[in-house]
Amino acid sequence: MGFVLVDRSTNRLIGSSRYHGYEAERREIEIGWTFVVRRHWGGATNREVKRLMLDHAFTFVDTVIFWVGEKNWRSQGAMTKIGGARRSGLYTRESTGTAPYFIFEIGKDGYEQGGRVLVE
């Protein structure tokens, strides 16, 4: 399921994000493949998108994961800021070849007990 992000003040497309890799038996889903135009980096846009998507995801799963590139320092920092816990190890995925990723996870219980307030 994919979503487009629109700046309401200009009605311009400013990005996209989606759910991916639903694992019913693990009650887990990925949020990712998120792209936001540069002028909206570091502001409210990404926080709001993540909050809305997490709110919805936690109505049917217990864990949300995010795949973040090993050298994507900006996204790793952002994941830490919103309460993501990094799983141990590096991971690869067939769709991107041998590129190494960290997986960050946010659990439903932690999110509902205070992590829901996404901070800058």
PDB file of N, CA and C in Angstrom:
ATOM      1  N   MET A   1       0.853  -1.165   0.000  1.00  0.00           N
ATOM      2  CA  MET A   1       0.000   0.000   0.000  1.00  0.00           C
ATOM      3  C   MET A   1       0.900   1.230   0.000  1.00  0.00           C
ATOM      4  N   GLY A   2       0.747   2.106  -0.970  1.00  0.00           N
ATOM      5  CA  GLY A   2       1.555   3.309  -1.063  1.00  0.00           C
ATOM      6  C   GLY A   2       0.741   4.566  -0.823  1.00  0.00           C
ATOM      7  N   PHE A   3       1.416   5.599  -0.369  1.00  0.00           N
ATOM      8  CA  PHE A   3       0.784   6.885  -0.080  1.00  0.00           C
ATOM      9  C   PHE A   3       1.602   7.995  -0.710  1.00  0.00           C
ATOM     10  N   VAL A   4       0.922   9.008  -1.208  1.00  0.00           N
ATOM     11  CA  VAL A   4       1.626  10.199  -1.660  1.00  0.00           C
ATOM     12  C   VAL A   4       1.453  11.269  -0.595  1.00  0.00           C
ATOM     13  N   LEU A   5       2.446  12.124  -0.484  1.00  0.00           N
ATOM     14  CA  LEU A   5       2.417  13.214   0.483  1.00  0.00           C
ATOM     15  C   LEU A   5       2.217  14.507  -0.289  1.00  0.00           C
ATOM     16  N   VAL A   6       1.213  15.288   0.110  1.00  0.00           N
ATOM     17  CA  VAL A   6       0.874  16.513  -0.591  1.00  0.00           C
ATOM     18  C   VAL A   6       0.934  17.680   0.398  1.00  0.00           C
ATOM     19  N   ASP A   7       1.598  18.751  -0.013  1.00  0.00           N
ATOM     20  CA  ASP A   7       1.635  19.976   0.776  1.00  0.00           C
ATOM     21  C   ASP A   7       0.295  20.674   0.570  1.00  0.00           C
ATOM     22  N   ARG A   8      -0.523  20.749   1.601  1.00  0.00           N
ATOM     23  CA  ARG A   8      -1.871  21.316   1.466  1.00  0.00           C
ATOM     24  C   ARG A   8      -1.854  22.785   1.067  1.00  0.00           C
ATOM     25  N   SER A   9      -0.818  23.522   1.463  1.00  0.00           N
ATOM     26  CA  SER A   9      -0.785  24.952   1.141  1.00  0.00           C
ATOM     27  C   SER A   9      -0.529  25.211  -0.339  1.00  0.00           C
ATOM     28  N   THR A  10       0.127  24.254  -1.018  1.00  0.00           N
ATOM     29  CA  THR A  10       0.444  24.445  -2.435  1.00  0.00           C
ATOM     30  C   THR A  10      -0.188  23.385  -3.332  1.00  0.00           C
ATOM     31  N   ASN A  11      -0.747  22.350  -2.730  1.00  0.00           N
ATOM     32  CA  ASN A  11      -1.279  21.186  -3.459  1.00  0.00           C
ATOM     33  C   ASN A  11      -0.216  20.500  -4.316  1.00  0.00           C
ATOM     34  N   ARG A  12       1.041  20.616  -3.908  1.00  0.00           N
ATOM     35  CA  ARG A  12       2.135  19.981  -4.642  1.00  0.00           C
ATOM     36  C   ARG A  12       2.537  18.673  -3.972  1.00  0.00           C
ATOM     37  N   LEU A  13       2.894  17.713  -4.808  1.00  0.00           N
ATOM     38  CA  LEU A  13       3.399  16.439  -4.338  1.00  0.00           C
ATOM     39  C   LEU A  13       4.774  16.668  -3.709  1.00  0.00           C
ATOM     40  N   ILE A  14       4.940  16.209  -2.454  1.00  0.00           N
ATOM     41  CA  ILE A  14       6.222  16.415  -1.772  1.00  0.00           C
ATOM     42  C   ILE A  14       6.879  15.112  -1.338  1.00  0.00           C
ATOM     43  N   GLY A  15       6.245  13.977  -1.613  1.00  0.00           N
ATOM     44  CA  GLY A  15       6.879  12.719  -1.247  1.00  0.00           C
ATOM     45  C   GLY A  15       5.938  11.541  -1.309  1.00  0.00           C
ATOM     46  N   SER A  16       6.459  10.415  -0.816  1.00  0.00           N
ATOM     47  CA  SER A  16       5.671   9.182  -0.775  1.00  0.00           C
ATOM     48  C   SER A  16       6.236   8.254   0.295  1.00  0.00           C
ATOM     49  N   SER A  17       5.423   7.311   0.712  1.00  0.00           N
ATOM     50  CA  SER A  17       5.842   6.280   1.658  1.00  0.00           C
ATOM     51  C   SER A  17       4.906   5.093   1.465  1.00  0.00           C
ATOM     52  N   ARG A  18       5.265   3.958   2.064  1.00  0.00           N
ATOM     53  CA  ARG A  18       4.397   2.789   1.931  1.00  0.00           C
ATOM     54  C   ARG A  18       4.649   1.764   3.022  1.00  0.00           C
ATOM     55  N   TYR A  19       3.685   0.863   3.142  1.00  0.00           N
ATOM     56  CA  TYR A  19       3.846  -0.340   3.946  1.00  0.00           C
ATOM     57  C   TYR A  19       4.405  -1.422   3.030  1.00  0.00           C
ATOM     58  N   HIS A  20       5.151  -2.350   3.613  1.00  0.00           N
ATOM     59  CA  HIS A  20       5.747  -3.418   2.809  1.00  0.00           C
ATOM     60  C   HIS A  20       6.051  -4.610   3.714  1.00  0.00           C
ATOM     61  N   GLY A  21       6.059  -5.794   3.134  1.00  0.00           N
ATOM     62  CA  GLY A  21       6.536  -6.986   3.826  1.00  0.00           C
ATOM     63  C   GLY A  21       5.734  -7.407   5.033  1.00  0.00           C
ATOM     64  N   TYR A  22       4.430  -7.370   4.933  1.00  0.00           N
ATOM     65  CA  TYR A  22       3.590  -7.784   6.053  1.00  0.00           C
ATOM     66  C   TYR A  22       3.862  -9.238   6.404  1.00  0.00           C
ATOM     67  N   GLU A  23       4.160  -9.494   7.680  1.00  0.00           N
ATOM     68  CA  GLU A  23       4.417 -10.844   8.202  1.00  0.00           C
ATOM     69  C   GLU A  23       3.320 -11.169   9.220  1.00  0.00           C
ATOM     70  N   ALA A  24       2.251 -11.803   8.748  1.00  0.00           N
ATOM     71  CA  ALA A  24       1.085 -12.073   9.595  1.00  0.00           C
ATOM     72  C   ALA A  24       1.441 -12.883  10.835  1.00  0.00           C
ATOM     73  N   GLU A  25       2.263 -13.932  10.661  1.00  0.00           N
ATOM     74  CA  GLU A  25       2.587 -14.798  11.804  1.00  0.00           C
ATOM     75  C   GLU A  25       3.451 -14.073  12.849  1.00  0.00           C
ATOM     76  N   ARG A  26       4.199 -13.072  12.438  1.00  0.00           N
ATOM     77  CA  ARG A  26       5.010 -12.287  13.379  1.00  0.00           C
ATOM     78  C   ARG A  26       4.300 -11.021  13.843  1.00  0.00           C
ATOM     79  N   ARG A  27       3.143 -10.728  13.226  1.00  0.00           N
ATOM     80  CA  ARG A  27       2.395  -9.489  13.494  1.00  0.00           C
ATOM     81  C   ARG A  27       3.319  -8.285  13.319  1.00  0.00           C
ATOM     82  N   GLU A  28       3.954  -8.251  12.139  1.00  0.00           N
ATOM     83  CA  GLU A  28       4.980  -7.245  11.857  1.00  0.00           C
ATOM     84  C   GLU A  28       4.807  -6.721  10.432  1.00  0.00           C
ATOM     85  N   ILE A  29       5.094  -5.432  10.259  1.00  0.00           N
ATOM     86  CA  ILE A  29       5.059  -4.819   8.930  1.00  0.00           C
ATOM     87  C   ILE A  29       6.163  -3.767   8.845  1.00  0.00           C
ATOM     88  N   GLU A  30       6.611  -3.532   7.641  1.00  0.00           N
ATOM     89  CA  GLU A  30       7.626  -2.499   7.394  1.00  0.00           C
ATOM     90  C   GLU A  30       6.950  -1.214   6.935  1.00  0.00           C
ATOM     91  N   ILE A  31       7.445  -0.098   7.434  1.00  0.00           N
ATOM     92  CA  ILE A  31       7.146   1.216   6.858  1.00  0.00           C
ATOM     93  C   ILE A  31       8.444   1.657   6.217  1.00  0.00           C
ATOM     94  N   GLY A  32       8.355   2.088   4.995  1.00  0.00           N
ATOM     95  CA  GLY A  32       9.589   2.505   4.350  1.00  0.00           C
ATOM     96  C   GLY A  32       9.395   2.980   2.944  1.00  0.00           C
ATOM     97  N   TRP A  33      10.514   2.926   2.232  1.00  0.00           N
ATOM     98  CA  TRP A  33      10.522   3.410   0.862  1.00  0.00           C
ATOM     99  C   TRP A  33      10.005   4.847   0.840  1.00  0.00           C
ATOM    100  N   THR A  34      10.376   5.600   1.881  1.00  0.00           N
ATOM    101  CA  THR A  34       9.883   6.964   2.058  1.00  0.00           C
ATOM    102  C   THR A  34      10.816   7.948   1.370  1.00  0.00           C
ATOM    103  N   PHE A  35      10.214   8.824   0.612  1.00  0.00           N
ATOM    104  CA  PHE A  35      10.962   9.886  -0.069  1.00  0.00           C
ATOM    105  C   PHE A  35      10.239  11.198   0.196  1.00  0.00           C
ATOM    106  N   VAL A  36      11.001  12.199   0.618  1.00  0.00           N
ATOM    107  CA  VAL A  36      10.439  13.520   0.893  1.00  0.00           C
ATOM    108  C   VAL A  36      11.350  14.540   0.222  1.00  0.00           C
ATOM    109  N   VAL A  37      10.763  15.540  -0.450  1.00  0.00           N
ATOM    110  CA  VAL A  37      11.584  16.562  -1.099  1.00  0.00           C
ATOM    111  C   VAL A  37      12.419  17.290  -0.050  1.00  0.00           C
ATOM    112  N   ARG A  38      13.592  17.714  -0.453  1.00  0.00           N
ATOM    113  CA  ARG A  38      14.589  18.262   0.472  1.00  0.00           C
ATOM    114  C   ARG A  38      14.063  19.387   1.352  1.00  0.00           C
ATOM    115  N   ARG A  39      13.267  20.283   0.809  1.00  0.00           N
ATOM    116  CA  ARG A  39      12.824  21.431   1.631  1.00  0.00           C
ATOM    117  C   ARG A  39      11.944  21.012   2.809  1.00  0.00           C
ATOM    118  N   HIS A  40      11.491  19.758   2.824  1.00  0.00           N
ATOM    119  CA  HIS A  40      10.679  19.253   3.936  1.00  0.00           C
ATOM    120  C   HIS A  40      11.466  18.320   4.860  1.00  0.00           C
ATOM    121  N   TRP A  41      12.766  18.165   4.629  1.00  0.00           N
ATOM    122  CA  TRP A  41      13.597  17.345   5.509  1.00  0.00           C
ATOM    123  C   TRP A  41      13.706  18.013   6.868  1.00  0.00           C
ATOM    124  N   GLY A  42      13.751  17.203   7.917  1.00  0.00           N
ATOM    125  CA  GLY A  42      14.023  17.702   9.261  1.00  0.00           C
ATOM    126  C   GLY A  42      12.889  18.476   9.892  1.00  0.00           C
ATOM    127  N   GLY A  43      11.752  18.524   9.259  1.00  0.00           N
ATOM    128  CA  GLY A  43      10.627  19.272   9.805  1.00  0.00           C
ATOM    129  C   GLY A  43       9.490  18.361  10.215  1.00  0.00           C
ATOM    130  N   ALA A  44       8.330  18.923  10.209  1.00  0.00           N
ATOM    131  CA  ALA A  44       7.139  18.210  10.686  1.00  0.00           C
ATOM    132  C   ALA A  44       6.644  17.140   9.720  1.00  0.00           C
ATOM    133  N   THR A  45       6.977  17.249   8.440  1.00  0.00           N
ATOM    134  CA  THR A  45       6.408  16.337   7.442  1.00  0.00           C
ATOM    135  C   THR A  45       6.695  14.876   7.765  1.00  0.00           C
ATOM    136  N   ASN A  46       7.956  14.515   7.922  1.00  0.00           N
ATOM    137  CA  ASN A  46       8.308  13.117   8.166  1.00  0.00           C
ATOM    138  C   ASN A  46       7.720  12.613   9.480  1.00  0.00           C
ATOM    139  N   ARG A  47       7.772  13.439  10.511  1.00  0.00           N
ATOM    140  CA  ARG A  47       7.184  13.043  11.805  1.00  0.00           C
ATOM    141  C   ARG A  47       5.702  12.752  11.662  1.00  0.00           C
ATOM    142  N   GLU A  48       4.981  13.628  10.969  1.00  0.00           N
ATOM    143  CA  GLU A  48       3.543  13.452  10.820  1.00  0.00           C
ATOM    144  C   GLU A  48       3.212  12.209  10.003  1.00  0.00           C
ATOM    145  N   VAL A  49       3.945  11.986   8.929  1.00  0.00           N
ATOM    146  CA  VAL A  49       3.726  10.793   8.108  1.00  0.00           C
ATOM    147  C   VAL A  49       3.961   9.536   8.944  1.00  0.00           C
ATOM    148  N   LYS A  50       5.079   9.492   9.673  1.00  0.00           N
ATOM    149  CA  LYS A  50       5.385   8.314  10.493  1.00  0.00           C
ATOM    150  C   LYS A  50       4.332   8.114  11.576  1.00  0.00           C
ATOM    151  N   ARG A  51       3.906   9.204  12.208  1.00  0.00           N
ATOM    152  CA  ARG A  51       2.894   9.075  13.262  1.00  0.00           C
ATOM    153  C   ARG A  51       1.600   8.504  12.700  1.00  0.00           C
ATOM    154  N   LEU A  52       1.134   9.043  11.579  1.00  0.00           N
ATOM    155  CA  LEU A  52      -0.105   8.547  10.972  1.00  0.00           C
ATOM    156  C   LEU A  52       0.021   7.080  10.568  1.00  0.00           C
ATOM    157  N   MET A  53       1.144   6.726   9.960  1.00  0.00           N
ATOM    158  CA  MET A  53       1.328   5.346   9.511  1.00  0.00           C
ATOM    159  C   MET A  53       1.480   4.387  10.686  1.00  0.00           C
ATOM    160  N   LEU A  54       2.199   4.812  11.731  1.00  0.00           N
ATOM    161  CA  LEU A  54       2.325   3.969  12.920  1.00  0.00           C
ATOM    162  C   LEU A  54       0.971   3.783  13.605  1.00  0.00           C
ATOM    163  N   ASP A  55       0.216   4.871  13.752  1.00  0.00           N
ATOM    164  CA  ASP A  55      -1.117   4.771  14.363  1.00  0.00           C
ATOM    165  C   ASP A  55      -1.956   3.726  13.638  1.00  0.00           C
ATOM    166  N   HIS A  56      -1.948   3.780  12.317  1.00  0.00           N
ATOM    167  CA  HIS A  56      -2.742   2.825  11.537  1.00  0.00           C
ATOM    168  C   HIS A  56      -2.174   1.413  11.650  1.00  0.00           C
ATOM    169  N   ALA A  57      -0.869   1.273  11.497  1.00  0.00           N
ATOM    170  CA  ALA A  57      -0.250  -0.060  11.529  1.00  0.00           C
ATOM    171  C   ALA A  57      -0.534  -0.779  12.843  1.00  0.00           C
ATOM    172  N   PHE A  58      -0.482  -0.053  13.948  1.00  0.00           N
ATOM    173  CA  PHE A  58      -0.665  -0.695  15.243  1.00  0.00           C
ATOM    174  C   PHE A  58      -2.119  -1.098  15.515  1.00  0.00           C
ATOM    175  N   THR A  59      -3.014  -0.867  14.586  1.00  0.00           N
ATOM    176  CA  THR A  59      -4.366  -1.425  14.730  1.00  0.00           C
ATOM    177  C   THR A  59      -4.387  -2.878  14.298  1.00  0.00           C
ATOM    178  N   PHE A  60      -3.318  -3.363  13.608  1.00  0.00           N
ATOM    179  CA  PHE A  60      -3.310  -4.762  13.171  1.00  0.00           C
ATOM    180  C   PHE A  60      -1.982  -5.486  13.340  1.00  0.00           C
ATOM    181  N   VAL A  61      -0.924  -4.817  13.804  1.00  0.00           N
ATOM    182  CA  VAL A  61       0.353  -5.495  14.066  1.00  0.00           C
ATOM    183  C   VAL A  61       0.889  -5.086  15.436  1.00  0.00           C
ATOM    184  N   ASP A  62       1.903  -5.824  15.902  1.00  0.00           N
ATOM    185  CA  ASP A  62       2.543  -5.510  17.181  1.00  0.00           C
ATOM    186  C   ASP A  62       3.905  -4.846  17.008  1.00  0.00           C
ATOM    187  N   THR A  63       4.496  -4.995  15.821  1.00  0.00           N
ATOM    188  CA  THR A  63       5.825  -4.443  15.566  1.00  0.00           C
ATOM    189  C   THR A  63       5.865  -3.826  14.179  1.00  0.00           C
ATOM    190  N   VAL A  64       6.485  -2.646  14.107  1.00  0.00           N
ATOM    191  CA  VAL A  64       6.744  -1.993  12.825  1.00  0.00           C
ATOM    192  C   VAL A  64       8.257  -1.898  12.677  1.00  0.00           C
ATOM    193  N   ILE A  65       8.745  -2.277  11.494  1.00  0.00           N
ATOM    194  CA  ILE A  65      10.185  -2.215  11.251  1.00  0.00           C
ATOM    195  C   ILE A  65      10.496  -1.217  10.146  1.00  0.00           C
ATOM    196  N   PHE A  66      11.735  -0.744  10.178  1.00  0.00           N
ATOM    197  CA  PHE A  66      12.245   0.193   9.196  1.00  0.00           C
ATOM    198  C   PHE A  66      13.630  -0.284   8.769  1.00  0.00           C
ATOM    199  N   TRP A  67      13.857  -0.480   7.477  1.00  0.00           N
ATOM    200  CA  TRP A  67      15.169  -0.843   6.957  1.00  0.00           C
ATOM    201  C   TRP A  67      15.910   0.454   6.649  1.00  0.00           C
ATOM    202  N   VAL A  68      17.093   0.617   7.246  1.00  0.00           N
ATOM    203  CA  VAL A  68      17.868   1.852   7.067  1.00  0.00           C
ATOM    204  C   VAL A  68      19.274   1.486   6.617  1.00  0.00           C
ATOM    205  N   GLY A  69      19.714   2.112   5.550  1.00  0.00           N
ATOM    206  CA  GLY A  69      21.045   1.845   5.013  1.00  0.00           C
ATOM    207  C   GLY A  69      22.142   2.016   6.048  1.00  0.00           C
ATOM    208  N   GLU A  70      23.146   1.149   5.967  1.00  0.00           N
ATOM    209  CA  GLU A  70      24.249   1.154   6.929  1.00  0.00           C
ATOM    210  C   GLU A  70      24.921   2.522   7.031  1.00  0.00           C
ATOM    211  N   LYS A  71      24.991   3.259   5.948  1.00  0.00           N
ATOM    212  CA  LYS A  71      25.661   4.562   5.951  1.00  0.00           C
ATOM    213  C   LYS A  71      24.693   5.732   5.880  1.00  0.00           C
ATOM    214  N   ASN A  72      23.426   5.473   6.076  1.00  0.00           N
ATOM    215  CA  ASN A  72      22.429   6.537   6.050  1.00  0.00           C
ATOM    216  C   ASN A  72      22.286   7.102   7.460  1.00  0.00           C
ATOM    217  N   TRP A  73      23.260   7.927   7.841  1.00  0.00           N
ATOM    218  CA  TRP A  73      23.334   8.460   9.204  1.00  0.00           C
ATOM    219  C   TRP A  73      22.109   9.293   9.551  1.00  0.00           C
ATOM    220  N   ARG A  74      21.616  10.079   8.588  1.00  0.00           N
ATOM    221  CA  ARG A  74      20.454  10.945   8.837  1.00  0.00           C
ATOM    222  C   ARG A  74      19.241  10.103   9.246  1.00  0.00           C
ATOM    223  N   SER A  75      18.957   9.061   8.484  1.00  0.00           N
ATOM    224  CA  SER A  75      17.788   8.220   8.799  1.00  0.00           C
ATOM    225  C   SER A  75      17.995   7.412  10.071  1.00  0.00           C
ATOM    226  N   GLN A  76      19.225   6.984  10.344  1.00  0.00           N
ATOM    227  CA  GLN A  76      19.485   6.267  11.595  1.00  0.00           C
ATOM    228  C   GLN A  76      19.209   7.176  12.783  1.00  0.00           C
ATOM    229  N   GLY A  77      19.652   8.425  12.697  1.00  0.00           N
ATOM    230  CA  GLY A  77      19.391   9.391  13.764  1.00  0.00           C
ATOM    231  C   GLY A  77      17.905   9.658  13.925  1.00  0.00           C
ATOM    232  N   ALA A  78      17.212   9.776  12.798  1.00  0.00           N
ATOM    233  CA  ALA A  78      15.768  10.021  12.845  1.00  0.00           C
ATOM    234  C   ALA A  78      15.045   8.855  13.502  1.00  0.00           C
ATOM    235  N   MET A  79      15.470   7.626  13.192  1.00  0.00           N
ATOM    236  CA  MET A  79      14.828   6.458  13.798  1.00  0.00           C
ATOM    237  C   MET A  79      15.035   6.449  15.308  1.00  0.00           C
ATOM    238  N   THR A  80      16.218   6.790  15.748  1.00  0.00           N
ATOM    239  CA  THR A  80      16.485   6.845  17.184  1.00  0.00           C
ATOM    240  C   THR A  80      15.603   7.899  17.843  1.00  0.00           C
ATOM    241  N   LYS A  81      15.442   9.043  17.186  1.00  0.00           N
ATOM    242  CA  LYS A  81      14.627  10.125  17.744  1.00  0.00           C
ATOM    243  C   LYS A  81      13.171   9.728  17.934  1.00  0.00           C
ATOM    244  N   ILE A  82      12.659   8.860  17.057  1.00  0.00           N
ATOM    245  CA  ILE A  82      11.243   8.500  17.194  1.00  0.00           C
ATOM    246  C   ILE A  82      11.051   7.196  17.969  1.00  0.00           C
ATOM    247  N   GLY A  83      12.115   6.711  18.603  1.00  0.00           N
ATOM    248  CA  GLY A  83      11.977   5.550  19.476  1.00  0.00           C
ATOM    249  C   GLY A  83      12.284   4.209  18.843  1.00  0.00           C
ATOM    250  N   GLY A  84      12.897   4.218  17.671  1.00  0.00           N
ATOM    251  CA  GLY A  84      13.262   2.960  17.028  1.00  0.00           C
ATOM    252  C   GLY A  84      14.449   2.309  17.720  1.00  0.00           C
ATOM    253  N   ALA A  85      14.361   1.023  17.946  1.00  0.00           N
ATOM    254  CA  ALA A  85      15.457   0.243  18.545  1.00  0.00           C
ATOM    255  C   ALA A  85      16.113  -0.569  17.431  1.00  0.00           C
ATOM    256  N   ARG A  86      17.422  -0.458  17.317  1.00  0.00           N
ATOM    257  CA  ARG A  86      18.133  -1.166  16.252  1.00  0.00           C
ATOM    258  C   ARG A  86      18.339  -2.625  16.626  1.00  0.00           C
ATOM    259  N   ARG A  87      17.926  -3.518  15.739  1.00  0.00           N
ATOM    260  CA  ARG A  87      18.195  -4.941  15.922  1.00  0.00           C
ATOM    261  C   ARG A  87      19.681  -5.178  15.697  1.00  0.00           C
ATOM    262  N   SER A  88      20.215  -6.207  16.324  1.00  0.00           N
ATOM    263  CA  SER A  88      21.637  -6.495  16.141  1.00  0.00           C
ATOM    264  C   SER A  88      21.886  -7.064  14.756  1.00  0.00           C
ATOM    265  N   GLY A  89      23.047  -6.764  14.222  1.00  0.00           N
ATOM    266  CA  GLY A  89      23.450  -7.299  12.926  1.00  0.00           C
ATOM    267  C   GLY A  89      23.106  -6.401  11.760  1.00  0.00           C
ATOM    268  N   LEU A  90      23.623  -6.798  10.612  1.00  0.00           N
ATOM    269  CA  LEU A  90      23.323  -6.140   9.347  1.00  0.00           C
ATOM    270  C   LEU A  90      22.519  -7.107   8.488  1.00  0.00           C
ATOM    271  N   TYR A  91      21.669  -6.567   7.645  1.00  0.00           N
ATOM    272  CA  TYR A  91      20.773  -7.375   6.840  1.00  0.00           C
ATOM    273  C   TYR A  91      20.877  -6.947   5.377  1.00  0.00           C
ATOM    274  N   THR A  92      20.577  -7.881   4.479  1.00  0.00           N
ATOM    275  CA  THR A  92      20.471  -7.564   3.068  1.00  0.00           C
ATOM    276  C   THR A  92      19.101  -8.017   2.600  1.00  0.00           C
ATOM    277  N   ARG A  93      18.693  -7.449   1.482  1.00  0.00           N
ATOM    278  CA  ARG A  93      17.418  -7.864   0.909  1.00  0.00           C
ATOM    279  C   ARG A  93      17.608  -8.093  -0.575  1.00  0.00           C
ATOM    280  N   GLU A  94      16.911  -9.088  -1.066  1.00  0.00           N
ATOM    281  CA  GLU A  94      17.062  -9.494  -2.457  1.00  0.00           C
ATOM    282  C   GLU A  94      16.842  -8.338  -3.432  1.00  0.00           C
ATOM    283  N   SER A  95      15.886  -7.465  -3.131  1.00  0.00           N
ATOM    284  CA  SER A  95      15.530  -6.390  -4.057  1.00  0.00           C
ATOM    285  C   SER A  95      16.610  -5.321  -4.210  1.00  0.00           C
ATOM    286  N   THR A  96      17.564  -5.259  -3.265  1.00  0.00           N
ATOM    287  CA  THR A  96      18.608  -4.232  -3.349  1.00  0.00           C
ATOM    288  C   THR A  96      20.014  -4.820  -3.407  1.00  0.00           C
ATOM    289  N   GLY A  97      20.124  -6.097  -3.649  1.00  0.00           N
ATOM    290  CA  GLY A  97      21.444  -6.718  -3.795  1.00  0.00           C
ATOM    291  C   GLY A  97      22.175  -6.874  -2.485  1.00  0.00           C
ATOM    292  N   THR A  98      23.457  -6.528  -2.498  1.00  0.00           N
ATOM    293  CA  THR A  98      24.294  -6.764  -1.319  1.00  0.00           C
ATOM    294  C   THR A  98      24.400  -5.561  -0.386  1.00  0.00           C
ATOM    295  N   ALA A  99      23.642  -4.512  -0.648  1.00  0.00           N
ATOM    296  CA  ALA A  99      23.693  -3.319   0.216  1.00  0.00           C
ATOM    297  C   ALA A  99      23.295  -3.694   1.642  1.00  0.00           C
ATOM    298  N   PRO A 100      24.124  -3.323   2.638  1.00  0.00           N
ATOM    299  CA  PRO A 100      23.807  -3.666   4.032  1.00  0.00           C
ATOM    300  C   PRO A 100      22.845  -2.657   4.675  1.00  0.00           C
ATOM    301  N   TYR A 101      21.947  -3.177   5.481  1.00  0.00           N
ATOM    302  CA  TYR A 101      20.960  -2.363   6.185  1.00  0.00           C
ATOM    303  C   TYR A 101      20.926  -2.737   7.659  1.00  0.00           C
ATOM    304  N   PHE A 102      20.547  -1.756   8.471  1.00  0.00           N
ATOM    305  CA  PHE A 102      20.147  -2.013   9.842  1.00  0.00           C
ATOM    306  C   PHE A 102      18.622  -2.087   9.826  1.00  0.00           C
ATOM    307  N   ILE A 103      18.075  -2.860  10.746  1.00  0.00           N
ATOM    308  CA  ILE A 103      16.627  -2.869  10.924  1.00  0.00           C
ATOM    309  C   ILE A 103      16.332  -2.238  12.282  1.00  0.00           C
ATOM    310  N   PHE A 104      15.484  -1.212  12.256  1.00  0.00           N
ATOM    311  CA  PHE A 104      15.001  -0.575  13.471  1.00  0.00           C
ATOM    312  C   PHE A 104      13.570  -1.032  13.684  1.00  0.00           C
ATOM    313  N   GLU A 105      13.187  -1.226  14.926  1.00  0.00           N
ATOM    314  CA  GLU A 105      11.817  -1.648  15.218  1.00  0.00           C
ATOM    315  C   GLU A 105      11.191  -0.769  16.283  1.00  0.00           C
ATOM    316  N   ILE A 106       9.889  -0.635  16.170  1.00  0.00           N
ATOM    317  CA  ILE A 106       9.087   0.052  17.179  1.00  0.00           C
ATOM    318  C   ILE A 106       7.958  -0.906  17.544  1.00  0.00           C
ATOM    319  N   GLY A 107       7.835  -1.193  18.837  1.00  0.00           N
ATOM    320  CA  GLY A 107       6.781  -2.087  19.316  1.00  0.00           C
ATOM    321  C   GLY A 107       5.535  -1.319  19.711  1.00  0.00           C
ATOM    322  N   LYS A 108       4.423  -1.964  19.550  1.00  0.00           N
ATOM    323  CA  LYS A 108       3.130  -1.352  19.864  1.00  0.00           C
ATOM    324  C   LYS A 108       3.056  -0.880  21.314  1.00  0.00           C
ATOM    325  N   ASP A 109       3.485  -1.726  22.258  1.00  0.00           N
ATOM    326  CA  ASP A 109       3.392  -1.352  23.673  1.00  0.00           C
ATOM    327  C   ASP A 109       4.203  -0.093  23.984  1.00  0.00           C
ATOM    328  N   GLY A 110       5.442  -0.051  23.529  1.00  0.00           N
ATOM    329  CA  GLY A 110       6.279   1.123  23.772  1.00  0.00           C
ATOM    330  C   GLY A 110       5.726   2.367  23.114  1.00  0.00           C
ATOM    331  N   TYR A 111       5.195   2.206  21.929  1.00  0.00           N
ATOM    332  CA  TYR A 111       4.615   3.333  21.189  1.00  0.00           C
ATOM    333  C   TYR A 111       3.408   3.889  21.937  1.00  0.00           C
ATOM    334  N   GLU A 112       2.551   3.003  22.399  1.00  0.00           N
ATOM    335  CA  GLU A 112       1.356   3.457  23.099  1.00  0.00           C
ATOM    336  C   GLU A 112       1.658   4.004  24.486  1.00  0.00           C
ATOM    337  N   GLN A 113       2.812   3.651  25.066  1.00  0.00           N
ATOM    338  CA  GLN A 113       3.178   4.130  26.404  1.00  0.00           C
ATOM    339  C   GLN A 113       4.096   5.338  26.350  1.00  0.00           C
ATOM    340  N   GLY A 114       4.004   6.125  25.301  1.00  0.00           N
ATOM    341  CA  GLY A 114       4.768   7.353  25.275  1.00  0.00           C
ATOM    342  C   GLY A 114       5.542   7.598  24.009  1.00  0.00           C
ATOM    343  N   GLY A 115       5.861   6.559  23.273  1.00  0.00           N
ATOM    344  CA  GLY A 115       6.594   6.761  22.044  1.00  0.00           C
ATOM    345  C   GLY A 115       5.760   7.380  20.954  1.00  0.00           C
ATOM    346  N   ARG A 116       4.454   7.464  21.202  1.00  0.00           N
ATOM    347  CA  ARG A 116       3.540   8.006  20.190  1.00  0.00           C
ATOM    348  C   ARG A 116       3.798   9.478  19.912  1.00  0.00           C
ATOM    349  N   VAL A 117       4.390  10.174  20.865  1.00  0.00           N
ATOM    350  CA  VAL A 117       4.713  11.575  20.662  1.00  0.00           C
ATOM    351  C   VAL A 117       6.060  11.619  19.935  1.00  0.00           C
ATOM    352  N   LEU A 118       6.019  11.767  18.644  1.00  0.00           N
ATOM    353  CA  LEU A 118       7.242  11.800  17.858  1.00  0.00           C
ATOM    354  C   LEU A 118       7.891  13.164  18.004  1.00  0.00           C
ATOM    355  N   VAL A 119       9.125  13.167  18.470  1.00  0.00           N
ATOM    356  CA  VAL A 119       9.825  14.421  18.720  1.00  0.00           C
ATOM    357  C   VAL A 119      10.842  14.699  17.618  1.00  0.00           C
ATOM    358  N   GLU A 120      11.208  15.941  17.480  1.00  0.00           N
ATOM    359  CA  GLU A 120      12.216  16.374  16.504  1.00  0.00           C
ATOM    360  C   GLU A 120      13.583  15.887  16.906  1.00  0.00           C
TER     361      GLU A 120
END
